[in-house]
Amino acid sequence: MKKAAFLFGFTVILFFTACKDHSIAQDIKILTPQEFHDSIIKNKDIQLVDARTEAEFEEGHLQDALNIDVLETNFNTEAEKLNLEKPVYVYCRSGKRSAKAALILKDLGFKEIYDMQGGYLNWESEGFQEK
């Protein structure tokens, strides 16, 4: 009887944990560089965020991107200046910082968030230049 109760409790916890992770995946869409490119070309009313450092941004970035460094303490303050109702596209160097930025944007209330898989390095390796 105790084993059955334990298994039931474990199953319930596992179910709710899986649902929570699944909802995050639904809110933040990961796009390949090709999908990212096609989407930002097609959709003109977007917000494009480069989550890298200022130095990295100056070395090269996508046209019309805003540089909001996710590692800086003012990231939330700067992100809050964006429009919650417009789609936001985010990228970094390799995808790690943009994933962090995407989660913060989700917590701030952004509804439509797109993260570029593999970041700017992947963008360049696919042969894309600026937007």
Protein backbone atom coordinates (compact mmCIF):
# COMPACT_ATOMS: atom_id res chain seq x y z
CA MET A 1 0.00 0.00 0.00
CA LYS A 2 2.83 2.40 0.85
CA LYS A 3 4.58 1.58 -2.43
CA ALA A 4 1.40 2.35 -4.38
CA ALA A 5 0.94 5.68 -2.60
CA PHE A 6 4.59 6.55 -3.20
CA LEU A 7 4.38 5.65 -6.89
CA PHE A 8 1.18 7.67 -7.27
CA GLY A 9 2.77 10.72 -5.61
CA PHE A 10 5.90 10.38 -7.71
CA THR A 11 3.83 10.09 -10.89
CA VAL A 12 1.83 13.23 -10.01
CA ILE A 13 5.02 15.21 -9.33
CA LEU A 14 6.59 13.94 -12.56
CA PHE A 15 3.45 14.86 -14.51
CA PHE A 16 3.35 18.44 -13.23
CA THR A 17 7.09 18.91 -13.68
CA ALA A 18 6.86 17.69 -17.28
CA CYS A 19 3.94 20.00 -17.97
CA LYS A 20 5.81 22.98 -16.56
CA ASP A 21 8.85 22.34 -18.78
CA HIS A 22 6.61 21.80 -21.79
CA SER A 23 4.89 25.16 -21.30
CA ILE A 24 8.26 26.93 -21.35
CA ALA A 25 9.10 25.23 -24.64
CA GLN A 26 5.81 26.45 -26.10
CA ASP A 27 6.44 30.06 -25.09
CA ILE A 28 9.97 30.30 -26.46
CA LYS A 29 10.43 29.09 -30.01
CA ILE A 30 13.91 28.00 -31.08
CA LEU A 31 14.57 28.79 -34.75
CA THR A 32 17.40 27.67 -37.00
CA PRO A 33 19.36 30.53 -38.58
CA GLN A 34 17.43 29.96 -41.81
CA GLU A 35 14.06 30.13 -40.01
CA PHE A 36 15.25 33.15 -38.02
CA HIS A 37 16.38 34.92 -41.21
CA ASP A 38 13.16 34.15 -43.08
CA SER A 39 11.04 35.26 -40.16
CA ILE A 40 12.77 38.60 -39.55
CA ILE A 41 12.67 39.38 -43.28
CA LYS A 42 8.98 38.48 -43.57
CA ASN A 43 7.81 40.12 -40.32
CA LYS A 44 8.69 43.80 -40.27
CA ASP A 45 7.02 44.66 -36.95
CA ILE A 46 9.43 42.82 -34.64
CA GLN A 47 11.97 43.62 -31.94
CA LEU A 48 15.43 42.19 -32.52
CA VAL A 49 17.68 41.85 -29.46
CA ASP A 50 21.38 41.03 -29.48
CA ALA A 51 22.11 39.74 -25.96
CA ARG A 52 25.91 39.90 -26.31
CA THR A 53 28.41 42.39 -24.89
CA GLU A 54 28.87 45.79 -26.51
CA ALA A 55 32.31 44.72 -27.81
CA GLU A 56 30.85 41.62 -29.48
CA PHE A 57 28.01 43.70 -30.91
CA GLU A 58 30.47 46.18 -32.43
CA GLU A 59 32.33 43.34 -34.17
CA GLY A 60 29.20 42.53 -36.16
CA HIS A 61 25.47 42.21 -35.60
CA LEU A 62 22.17 41.86 -37.39
CA GLN A 63 20.80 45.05 -38.91
CA ASP A 64 18.35 46.90 -36.66
CA ALA A 65 19.30 44.81 -33.61
CA LEU A 66 19.23 46.43 -30.18
CA ASN A 67 22.20 45.54 -28.01
CA ILE A 68 20.95 44.58 -24.55
CA ASP A 69 23.65 42.58 -22.78
CA VAL A 70 21.99 39.84 -20.75
CA LEU A 71 24.96 39.74 -18.36
CA GLU A 72 24.54 43.38 -17.36
CA THR A 73 22.47 44.31 -14.30
CA ASN A 74 20.31 46.64 -16.38
CA PHE A 75 19.07 43.92 -18.76
CA ASN A 76 15.59 43.80 -17.20
CA THR A 77 15.29 47.59 -17.15
CA GLU A 78 16.26 47.86 -20.83
CA ALA A 79 14.07 44.91 -21.84
CA GLU A 80 11.08 46.49 -20.11
CA LYS A 81 11.34 49.38 -22.60
CA LEU A 82 10.33 46.98 -25.37
CA ASN A 83 6.72 46.39 -26.40
CA LEU A 84 5.27 43.30 -24.70
CA GLU A 85 2.77 42.85 -27.53
CA LYS A 86 5.30 42.66 -30.36
CA PRO A 87 7.33 39.55 -31.17
CA VAL A 88 10.87 39.64 -29.84
CA TYR A 89 13.72 37.83 -31.57
CA VAL A 90 16.85 37.26 -29.53
CA TYR A 91 20.31 35.95 -30.31
CA CYS A 92 23.80 35.90 -28.81
CA ARG A 93 27.14 34.38 -29.79
CA SER A 94 26.37 30.65 -29.45
CA GLY A 95 22.87 30.38 -27.99
CA LYS A 96 23.50 30.15 -24.25
CA ARG A 97 23.01 33.78 -23.31
CA SER A 98 20.05 34.19 -25.65
CA ALA A 99 18.38 31.22 -23.94
CA LYS A 100 18.87 33.00 -20.62
CA ALA A 101 17.58 36.26 -22.11
CA ALA A 102 14.54 34.48 -23.56
CA LEU A 103 13.61 33.11 -20.14
CA ILE A 104 13.93 36.57 -18.60
CA LEU A 105 11.78 38.04 -21.38
CA LYS A 106 9.18 35.35 -20.74
CA ASP A 107 9.18 36.22 -17.02
CA LEU A 108 8.75 39.90 -17.93
CA GLY A 109 5.55 39.02 -19.78
CA PHE A 110 6.57 38.85 -23.43
CA LYS A 111 4.16 36.59 -25.31
CA GLU A 112 6.04 35.80 -28.51
CA ILE A 113 9.75 35.02 -28.13
CA TYR A 114 12.06 33.55 -30.75
CA ASP A 115 15.62 32.42 -29.99
CA MET A 116 18.18 31.69 -32.71
CA GLN A 117 19.68 28.22 -32.38
CA GLY A 118 23.47 28.37 -32.21
CA GLY A 119 23.58 32.16 -32.14
CA TYR A 120 25.59 34.53 -34.30
CA LEU A 121 28.31 31.91 -34.87
CA ASN A 122 25.74 29.59 -36.43
CA TRP A 123 24.25 32.51 -38.40
CA GLU A 124 27.65 33.26 -39.96
CA SER A 125 28.49 29.59 -40.57
CA GLU A 126 25.24 29.27 -42.54
CA GLY A 127 26.49 32.06 -44.80
CA PHE A 128 24.19 34.83 -43.62
CA GLN A 129 25.42 38.35 -43.25
CA GLU A 130 23.46 41.12 -41.61
CA LYS A 131 19.69 41.09 -42.07
